[in-house]
């Protein structure tokens, strides 16, 4: 197996596992355009660990870029009315939809990332690798 093939397969499996753990199913409401979800906190809420400048750039440029590309790729296709999680599931094994899968998975990963943090954090890690 070549490196690119390994990365593609492992990314797909990781996305499927993460979506399953999050309980993402087929009951989501459909929409004609995928939107950029609002952050669950203000741009400066994670300072001093993540600056508002860094957060703004990553959210408004990178994340928005993935959303824009997904919307461009789904235009006029059978994916156009699917929510993001459905696009990822449907494009998972479609060779001709590999770019769409990659972009949709990146958009999903970014939304997951934003929702995995909170102001004040959760404190230091507990437990150890040996447990």
Protein backbone atom coordinates (compact mmCIF):
# COMPACT_ATOMS: atom_id res chain seq x y z
CA UNK A 1 0.00 0.00 0.00
CA UNK A 2 1.39 3.40 -0.98
CA UNK A 3 1.55 6.31 1.48
CA UNK A 4 -1.22 8.30 -0.20
CA UNK A 5 -3.51 5.28 -0.30
CA UNK A 6 -2.78 4.55 3.37
CA UNK A 7 -3.53 8.17 4.33
CA UNK A 8 -6.78 8.17 2.34
CA UNK A 9 -7.98 4.90 3.87
CA UNK A 10 -6.96 5.85 7.42
CA UNK A 11 -8.64 9.27 7.09
CA UNK A 12 -11.85 7.68 5.87
CA UNK A 13 -11.86 5.12 8.68
CA UNK A 14 -11.08 7.78 11.26
CA UNK A 15 -13.90 10.01 10.01
CA UNK A 16 -16.36 7.11 10.06
CA UNK A 17 -15.35 6.19 13.60
CA UNK A 18 -15.55 9.79 14.84
CA UNK A 19 -18.95 10.33 13.26
CA UNK A 20 -20.22 7.10 14.78
CA UNK A 21 -18.96 8.08 18.24
CA UNK A 22 -20.63 11.46 17.90
CA UNK A 23 -23.92 9.81 16.99
CA UNK A 24 -24.08 11.50 13.62
CA UNK A 25 -26.85 9.81 11.73
CA UNK A 26 -29.16 10.28 8.80
CA UNK A 27 -31.78 12.31 10.69
CA UNK A 28 -30.11 15.67 10.03
CA UNK A 29 -32.10 18.36 8.26
CA UNK A 30 -31.13 18.86 4.63
CA UNK A 31 -30.03 22.20 3.24
CA UNK A 32 -29.14 23.51 -0.17
CA UNK A 33 -25.86 25.09 0.97
CA UNK A 34 -23.41 24.06 3.66
CA UNK A 35 -22.82 26.93 6.06
CA UNK A 36 -20.01 27.88 8.39
CA UNK A 37 -21.23 27.11 11.92
CA UNK A 38 -20.80 29.89 14.46
CA UNK A 39 -18.06 29.49 17.01
CA UNK A 40 -19.40 28.55 20.46
CA UNK A 41 -17.31 31.38 21.98
CA UNK A 42 -15.88 34.77 21.05
CA UNK A 43 -12.72 35.13 18.97
CA UNK A 44 -10.71 36.18 22.04
CA UNK A 45 -12.13 33.58 24.43
CA UNK A 46 -9.20 31.15 24.10
CA UNK A 47 -6.44 33.70 24.77
CA UNK A 48 -3.64 33.50 25.79
CA UNK A 49 -3.45 29.94 24.42
CA UNK A 50 -4.87 30.73 20.99
CA UNK A 51 -4.85 34.38 19.99
CA UNK A 52 -7.90 36.01 18.45
CA UNK A 53 -5.74 36.74 15.37
CA UNK A 54 -4.84 33.04 14.99
CA UNK A 55 -8.39 31.91 15.65
CA UNK A 56 -9.85 34.44 13.24
CA UNK A 57 -7.43 33.45 10.49
CA UNK A 58 -7.98 29.73 10.97
CA UNK A 59 -11.78 30.04 11.25
CA UNK A 60 -12.42 32.74 8.64
CA UNK A 61 -9.84 31.61 6.06
CA UNK A 62 -9.13 27.89 6.45
CA UNK A 63 -12.50 26.64 7.70
CA UNK A 64 -14.45 28.98 5.43
CA UNK A 65 -12.28 27.84 2.52
CA UNK A 66 -13.26 24.21 3.09
CA UNK A 67 -16.94 25.20 3.31
CA UNK A 68 -16.70 27.25 0.10
CA UNK A 69 -15.00 24.39 -1.75
CA UNK A 70 -17.60 21.86 -0.57
CA UNK A 71 -20.38 24.14 -1.80
CA UNK A 72 -18.64 24.55 -5.15
CA UNK A 73 -18.16 20.77 -5.50
CA UNK A 74 -21.76 19.86 -4.60
CA UNK A 75 -23.36 22.39 -6.93
CA UNK A 76 -25.51 20.56 -9.47
CA UNK A 77 -24.79 17.10 -8.01
CA UNK A 78 -26.75 14.56 -5.99
CA UNK A 79 -24.87 15.83 -2.90
CA UNK A 80 -26.33 19.36 -3.17
CA UNK A 81 -29.15 18.87 -0.65
CA UNK A 82 -27.27 16.70 1.83
CA UNK A 83 -26.00 17.90 5.19
CA UNK A 84 -22.24 17.77 5.68
CA UNK A 85 -22.21 14.45 7.57
CA UNK A 86 -24.26 12.79 4.81
CA UNK A 87 -21.91 14.13 2.15
CA UNK A 88 -18.98 12.55 3.99
CA UNK A 89 -20.77 9.21 4.35
CA UNK A 90 -21.95 9.19 0.74
CA UNK A 91 -18.60 10.24 -0.74
CA UNK A 92 -16.65 7.77 1.43
CA UNK A 93 -16.24 5.04 -1.19
CA UNK A 94 -16.80 7.09 -4.34
CA UNK A 95 -13.56 7.41 -6.29
CA UNK A 96 -14.90 10.32 -8.33
CA UNK A 97 -15.86 12.14 -5.10
CA UNK A 98 -12.46 11.88 -3.39
CA UNK A 99 -11.89 15.66 -3.47
CA UNK A 100 -15.38 16.26 -2.09
CA UNK A 101 -14.82 13.73 0.69
CA UNK A 102 -11.49 15.34 1.61
CA UNK A 103 -12.91 18.88 1.70
CA UNK A 104 -16.09 17.85 3.56
CA UNK A 105 -14.04 15.86 6.10
CA UNK A 106 -11.79 18.89 6.67
CA UNK A 107 -14.84 21.11 7.23
CA UNK A 108 -16.25 18.53 9.67
CA UNK A 109 -12.88 18.21 11.45
CA UNK A 110 -12.69 21.96 11.91
CA UNK A 111 -16.20 22.19 13.37
CA UNK A 112 -15.37 19.29 15.69
CA UNK A 113 -12.14 21.06 16.69
CA UNK A 114 -13.89 24.35 17.55
CA UNK A 115 -16.46 22.49 19.64
CA UNK A 116 -13.75 20.51 21.44
CA UNK A 117 -12.41 23.63 23.17
CA UNK A 118 -13.89 26.05 25.63
CA UNK A 119 -12.79 29.15 27.48
CA UNK A 120 -10.94 28.16 30.63
CA UNK A 121 -10.34 24.68 29.25
CA UNK A 122 -10.83 21.48 31.14
CA UNK A 123 -7.76 21.62 33.33
CA UNK A 124 -4.66 19.48 33.14
CA UNK A 125 -4.90 15.95 31.74
CA UNK A 126 -5.62 13.19 34.23
CA UNK A 127 -4.48 9.59 34.28
CA UNK A 128 -1.42 8.18 32.64
CA UNK A 129 -0.51 6.18 29.59
CA UNK A 130 0.18 3.15 31.79
CA UNK A 131 -3.38 2.96 33.18
